[in-house]
Amino acid sequence: MWIGEGALSGEIDSLVDDAVEKLQAADGIVLGSPVYYASPSGEMVSFLDRLYWKGEKFLRFKPAAAVTVARRAGTTACLDVLNKYITYAQQPVVTSRYWNMVHGSNGEDVMKDEEGIQIMRTIGRNMAWLLKSIEAGKSAGVAQPEAEKKIWTNFIR
C-alpha cells in the first residue's frame, strides 16, 4: 500500500482504515521508507503511529520486515525506528544477512547496489520460509501464546 502524499493532504485516517482492513487478511508485512534526516519520512511515521495504535491486534505474530533506501547514510537509524513499531506489536522480525538496506539516489542507482539487491532477495526468501513455517505450525496444532492484558506503568507521581 502506497501512502504517498495522501498522508499530508488530510487523508491519513482513511489510509489507516484501509490498511487495517487489509492487515486482517495479510500473512505478513514489509515496511519501507527512504531515509529523511536519518529517519523514515514524516508521512511514514505519522501513518505508522496511527496504524500501530489502531491495528495492533491484527499485527500480532504477523512477520514483518523493515527496509530502507538512502543515497549515502542514515539507513541504520531509519531501520531502528521502523523495527520499533514491529517489536511493539509482537511481530516476528524478518532479517537478511546484513542490515535491510539498499543505496542509491534513484531506482537505476539502487539496481547497481548488488549487495543491497542480494539482501532484498534474502529478505524475500526468509519471509516466504517464515510464513510457510507458521502455516505448518498452525496445521500441526501449535497455538499462538495468549496475549496478556497490557500493564501501563507511570513512573511520574
C-alpha atoms as a PDB file:
ATOM      1  CA  MET A   1       0.000   0.000   0.000  1.00  0.00           C
ATOM      2  CA  TRP A   2       1.469   3.360  -1.013  1.00  0.00           C
ATOM      3  CA  ILE A   3       0.705   6.193   1.428  1.00  0.00           C
ATOM      4  CA  GLY A   4       2.496   8.923  -0.506  1.00  0.00           C
ATOM      5  CA  GLU A   5       1.094  12.429  -0.394  1.00  0.00           C
ATOM      6  CA  GLY A   6      -2.238  11.230   0.993  1.00  0.00           C
ATOM      7  CA  ALA A   7      -0.709  11.283   4.460  1.00  0.00           C
ATOM      8  CA  LEU A   8      -0.055  15.014   4.139  1.00  0.00           C
ATOM      9  CA  SER A   9      -3.293  16.037   2.450  1.00  0.00           C
ATOM     10  CA  GLY A  10      -5.593  15.040   5.302  1.00  0.00           C
ATOM     11  CA  GLU A  11      -6.276  11.516   4.085  1.00  0.00           C
ATOM     12  CA  ILE A  12      -4.195   9.730   6.732  1.00  0.00           C
ATOM     13  CA  ASP A  13      -7.148   8.426   8.752  1.00  0.00           C
ATOM     14  CA  SER A  14      -8.779   6.856   5.687  1.00  0.00           C
ATOM     15  CA  LEU A  15      -5.398   5.420   4.633  1.00  0.00           C
ATOM     16  CA  VAL A  16      -5.010   3.848   8.085  1.00  0.00           C
ATOM     17  CA  ASP A  17      -8.563   2.463   7.978  1.00  0.00           C
ATOM     18  CA  ASP A  18      -7.827   0.890   4.570  1.00  0.00           C
ATOM     19  CA  ALA A  19      -4.561  -0.555   5.847  1.00  0.00           C
ATOM     20  CA  VAL A  20      -6.172  -2.025   8.983  1.00  0.00           C
ATOM     21  CA  GLU A  21      -8.765  -3.725   6.784  1.00  0.00           C
ATOM     22  CA  LYS A  22      -6.030  -5.187   4.551  1.00  0.00           C
ATOM     23  CA  LEU A  23      -3.970  -6.291   7.572  1.00  0.00           C
ATOM     24  CA  GLN A  24      -6.707  -8.650   8.641  1.00  0.00           C
ATOM     25  CA  ALA A  25      -6.148 -10.753   5.516  1.00  0.00           C
ATOM     26  CA  ALA A  26      -2.357 -10.278   5.250  1.00  0.00           C
ATOM     27  CA  ASP A  27       0.071 -13.012   6.252  1.00  0.00           C
ATOM     28  CA  GLY A  28       2.980 -10.590   6.753  1.00  0.00           C
ATOM     29  CA  ILE A  29       4.053  -7.038   6.007  1.00  0.00           C
ATOM     30  CA  VAL A  30       7.031  -5.056   4.754  1.00  0.00           C
ATOM     31  CA  LEU A  31       7.613  -1.515   5.993  1.00  0.00           C
ATOM     32  CA  GLY A  32       9.775   0.533   3.646  1.00  0.00           C
ATOM     33  CA  SER A  33      10.940   4.120   3.598  1.00  0.00           C
ATOM     34  CA  PRO A  34      13.576   6.318   2.058  1.00  0.00           C
ATOM     35  CA  VAL A  35      15.859   7.946   4.615  1.00  0.00           C
ATOM     36  CA  TYR A  36      14.979  11.528   5.541  1.00  0.00           C
ATOM     37  CA  TYR A  37      17.437  13.004   8.054  1.00  0.00           C
ATOM     38  CA  ALA A  38      18.344   9.520   9.407  1.00  0.00           C
ATOM     39  CA  SER A  39      14.672   8.641   9.911  1.00  0.00           C
ATOM     40  CA  PRO A  40      11.700   7.382   7.901  1.00  0.00           C
ATOM     41  CA  SER A  41       9.739  10.037   6.054  1.00  0.00           C
ATOM     42  CA  GLY A  42       7.374  12.134   8.149  1.00  0.00           C
ATOM     43  CA  GLU A  43       4.423  10.661   6.254  1.00  0.00           C
ATOM     44  CA  MET A  44       5.558   7.163   7.165  1.00  0.00           C
ATOM     45  CA  VAL A  45       5.999   7.963  10.861  1.00  0.00           C
ATOM     46  CA  SER A  46       2.565   9.627  11.060  1.00  0.00           C
ATOM     47  CA  PHE A  47       0.988   6.690   9.272  1.00  0.00           C
ATOM     48  CA  LEU A  48       2.711   4.072  11.446  1.00  0.00           C
ATOM     49  CA  ASP A  49       1.877   5.911  14.672  1.00  0.00           C
ATOM     50  CA  ARG A  50      -1.807   5.653  13.813  1.00  0.00           C
ATOM     51  CA  LEU A  51      -1.652   2.214  12.196  1.00  0.00           C
ATOM     52  CA  TYR A  52       0.071   0.510  15.093  1.00  0.00           C
ATOM     53  CA  TRP A  53      -2.283   2.113  17.602  1.00  0.00           C
ATOM     54  CA  LYS A  54      -5.431   1.225  15.687  1.00  0.00           C
ATOM     55  CA  GLY A  55      -4.412  -2.088  14.118  1.00  0.00           C
ATOM     56  CA  GLU A  56      -2.093  -3.650  16.704  1.00  0.00           C
ATOM     57  CA  LYS A  57      -4.417  -6.609  17.361  1.00  0.00           C
ATOM     58  CA  PHE A  58      -4.202  -7.553  13.668  1.00  0.00           C
ATOM     59  CA  LEU A  59      -0.396  -7.267  13.587  1.00  0.00           C
ATOM     60  CA  ARG A  60       0.474  -9.592  16.477  1.00  0.00           C
ATOM     61  CA  PHE A  61       2.559 -12.544  15.201  1.00  0.00           C
ATOM     62  CA  LYS A  62       2.439 -11.395  11.556  1.00  0.00           C
ATOM     63  CA  PRO A  63       6.034 -11.458  10.282  1.00  0.00           C
ATOM     64  CA  ALA A  64       7.349  -8.068   9.258  1.00  0.00           C
ATOM     65  CA  ALA A  65      10.443  -6.751   7.544  1.00  0.00           C
ATOM     66  CA  ALA A  66      11.668  -3.168   7.565  1.00  0.00           C
ATOM     67  CA  VAL A  67      13.687  -1.936   4.585  1.00  0.00           C
ATOM     68  CA  THR A  68      15.282   1.420   3.859  1.00  0.00           C
ATOM     69  CA  VAL A  69      16.987   3.156   0.973  1.00  0.00           C
ATOM     70  CA  ALA A  70      19.374   6.087   1.103  1.00  0.00           C
ATOM     71  CA  ARG A  71      21.755   7.909  -1.147  1.00  0.00           C
ATOM     72  CA  ARG A  72      24.544   7.564   1.424  1.00  0.00           C
ATOM     73  CA  ALA A  73      23.806   7.313   5.143  1.00  0.00           C
ATOM     74  CA  GLY A  74      21.151   7.188   7.858  1.00  0.00           C
ATOM     75  CA  THR A  75      19.826   3.759   6.967  1.00  0.00           C
ATOM     76  CA  THR A  76      20.581   2.040  10.280  1.00  0.00           C
ATOM     77  CA  ALA A  77      18.918   4.831  12.277  1.00  0.00           C
ATOM     78  CA  CYS A  78      15.906   4.651   9.960  1.00  0.00           C
ATOM     79  CA  LEU A  79      15.728   0.853  10.368  1.00  0.00           C
ATOM     80  CA  ASP A  80      15.830   1.278  14.131  1.00  0.00           C
ATOM     81  CA  VAL A  81      12.726   3.481  14.032  1.00  0.00           C
ATOM     82  CA  LEU A  82      10.815   1.071  11.769  1.00  0.00           C
ATOM     83  CA  ASN A  83      11.802  -2.012  13.765  1.00  0.00           C
ATOM     84  CA  LYS A  84      10.483  -0.451  16.971  1.00  0.00           C
ATOM     85  CA  TYR A  85       6.948  -0.495  15.535  1.00  0.00           C
ATOM     86  CA  ILE A  86       7.362  -4.159  14.593  1.00  0.00           C
ATOM     87  CA  THR A  87       8.598  -5.255  18.005  1.00  0.00           C
ATOM     88  CA  TYR A  88       5.941  -3.198  19.794  1.00  0.00           C
ATOM     89  CA  ALA A  89       3.241  -5.329  18.145  1.00  0.00           C
ATOM     90  CA  GLN A  90       4.996  -8.654  18.893  1.00  0.00           C
ATOM     91  CA  GLN A  91       5.702  -9.321  15.241  1.00  0.00           C
ATOM     92  CA  PRO A  92       8.493 -11.699  14.226  1.00  0.00           C
ATOM     93  CA  VAL A  93      11.209  -9.588  12.596  1.00  0.00           C
ATOM     94  CA  VAL A  94      12.319 -10.865   9.179  1.00  0.00           C
ATOM     95  CA  THR A  95      16.004 -10.266   8.606  1.00  0.00           C
ATOM     96  CA  SER A  96      18.609 -10.806   5.940  1.00  0.00           C
ATOM     97  CA  ARG A  97      22.316 -11.489   6.235  1.00  0.00           C
ATOM     98  CA  TYR A  98      23.054  -7.827   6.897  1.00  0.00           C
ATOM     99  CA  TRP A  99      21.008  -4.699   7.576  1.00  0.00           C
ATOM    100  CA  ASN A 100      17.919  -4.442   5.376  1.00  0.00           C
ATOM    101  CA  MET A 101      19.008  -1.560   3.171  1.00  0.00           C
ATOM    102  CA  VAL A 102      19.958  -0.539  -0.339  1.00  0.00           C
ATOM    103  CA  HIS A 103      21.754   2.570  -1.535  1.00  0.00           C
ATOM    104  CA  GLY A 104      21.091   4.882  -4.454  1.00  0.00           C
ATOM    105  CA  SER A 105      19.525   8.185  -5.441  1.00  0.00           C
ATOM    106  CA  ASN A 106      17.011   6.546  -7.791  1.00  0.00           C
ATOM    107  CA  GLY A 107      15.860   3.124  -8.954  1.00  0.00           C
ATOM    108  CA  GLU A 108      18.631   2.814 -11.526  1.00  0.00           C
ATOM    109  CA  ASP A 109      21.292   3.523  -8.882  1.00  0.00           C
ATOM    110  CA  VAL A 110      19.706   1.077  -6.435  1.00  0.00           C
ATOM    111  CA  MET A 111      19.872  -1.714  -9.029  1.00  0.00           C
ATOM    112  CA  LYS A 112      23.656  -1.184  -9.162  1.00  0.00           C
ATOM    113  CA  ASP A 113      23.921  -1.929  -5.420  1.00  0.00           C
ATOM    114  CA  GLU A 114      24.491  -5.648  -5.907  1.00  0.00           C
ATOM    115  CA  GLU A 115      24.927  -6.335  -2.196  1.00  0.00           C
ATOM    116  CA  GLY A 116      21.738  -4.432  -1.348  1.00  0.00           C
ATOM    117  CA  ILE A 117      19.776  -6.283  -4.034  1.00  0.00           C
ATOM    118  CA  GLN A 118      21.068  -9.596  -2.658  1.00  0.00           C
ATOM    119  CA  ILE A 119      19.925  -8.527   0.815  1.00  0.00           C
ATOM    120  CA  MET A 120      16.427  -7.800  -0.546  1.00  0.00           C
ATOM    121  CA  ARG A 121      16.284 -11.227  -2.265  1.00  0.00           C
ATOM    122  CA  THR A 122      17.311 -12.860   1.012  1.00  0.00           C
ATOM    123  CA  ILE A 123      14.591 -10.987   2.919  1.00  0.00           C
ATOM    124  CA  GLY A 124      12.043 -12.259   0.410  1.00  0.00           C
ATOM    125  CA  ARG A 125      13.209 -15.845   0.813  1.00  0.00           C
ATOM    126  CA  ASN A 126      13.321 -15.544   4.589  1.00  0.00           C
ATOM    127  CA  MET A 127       9.813 -14.054   4.698  1.00  0.00           C
ATOM    128  CA  ALA A 128       8.474 -16.866   2.498  1.00  0.00           C
ATOM    129  CA  TRP A 129      10.132 -19.521   4.684  1.00  0.00           C
ATOM    130  CA  LEU A 130       8.802 -17.971   7.898  1.00  0.00           C
ATOM    131  CA  LEU A 131       5.265 -17.725   6.513  1.00  0.00           C
ATOM    132  CA  LYS A 132       5.389 -21.391   5.460  1.00  0.00           C
ATOM    133  CA  SER A 133       6.760 -22.357   8.880  1.00  0.00           C
ATOM    134  CA  ILE A 134       3.954 -20.514  10.661  1.00  0.00           C
ATOM    135  CA  GLU A 135       1.364 -22.196   8.458  1.00  0.00           C
ATOM    136  CA  ALA A 136       2.932 -25.610   9.127  1.00  0.00           C
ATOM    137  CA  GLY A 137       2.817 -24.901  12.863  1.00  0.00           C
ATOM    138  CA  LYS A 138      -0.861 -23.935  12.678  1.00  0.00           C
ATOM    139  CA  SER A 139      -1.612 -27.113  10.690  1.00  0.00           C
ATOM    140  CA  ALA A 140       0.173 -29.155  13.369  1.00  0.00           C
ATOM    141  CA  GLY A 141      -1.950 -27.566  16.106  1.00  0.00           C
ATOM    142  CA  VAL A 142       0.650 -25.206  17.539  1.00  0.00           C
ATOM    143  CA  ALA A 143      -1.308 -22.346  19.090  1.00  0.00           C
ATOM    144  CA  GLN A 144      -0.091 -18.776  19.497  1.00  0.00           C
ATOM    145  CA  PRO A 145       0.657 -17.708  23.050  1.00  0.00           C
ATOM    146  CA  GLU A 146      -2.264 -15.954  24.727  1.00  0.00           C
ATOM    147  CA  ALA A 147      -1.940 -12.193  24.817  1.00  0.00           C
ATOM    148  CA  GLU A 148      -1.596 -10.776  28.300  1.00  0.00           C
ATOM    149  CA  LYS A 149      -3.511  -7.659  29.210  1.00  0.00           C
ATOM    150  CA  LYS A 150      -1.118  -4.719  28.927  1.00  0.00           C
ATOM    151  CA  ILE A 151       0.187  -3.257  32.134  1.00  0.00           C
ATOM    152  CA  TRP A 152       0.687   0.507  31.906  1.00  0.00           C
ATOM    153  CA  THR A 153       3.190   1.807  34.420  1.00  0.00           C
ATOM    154  CA  ASN A 154       3.604   5.507  35.089  1.00  0.00           C
ATOM    155  CA  PHE A 155       6.794   6.411  36.951  1.00  0.00           C
ATOM    156  CA  ILE A 156       5.914  10.082  37.352  1.00  0.00           C
ATOM    157  CA  ARG A 157       3.998  10.958  40.512  1.00  0.00           C
END
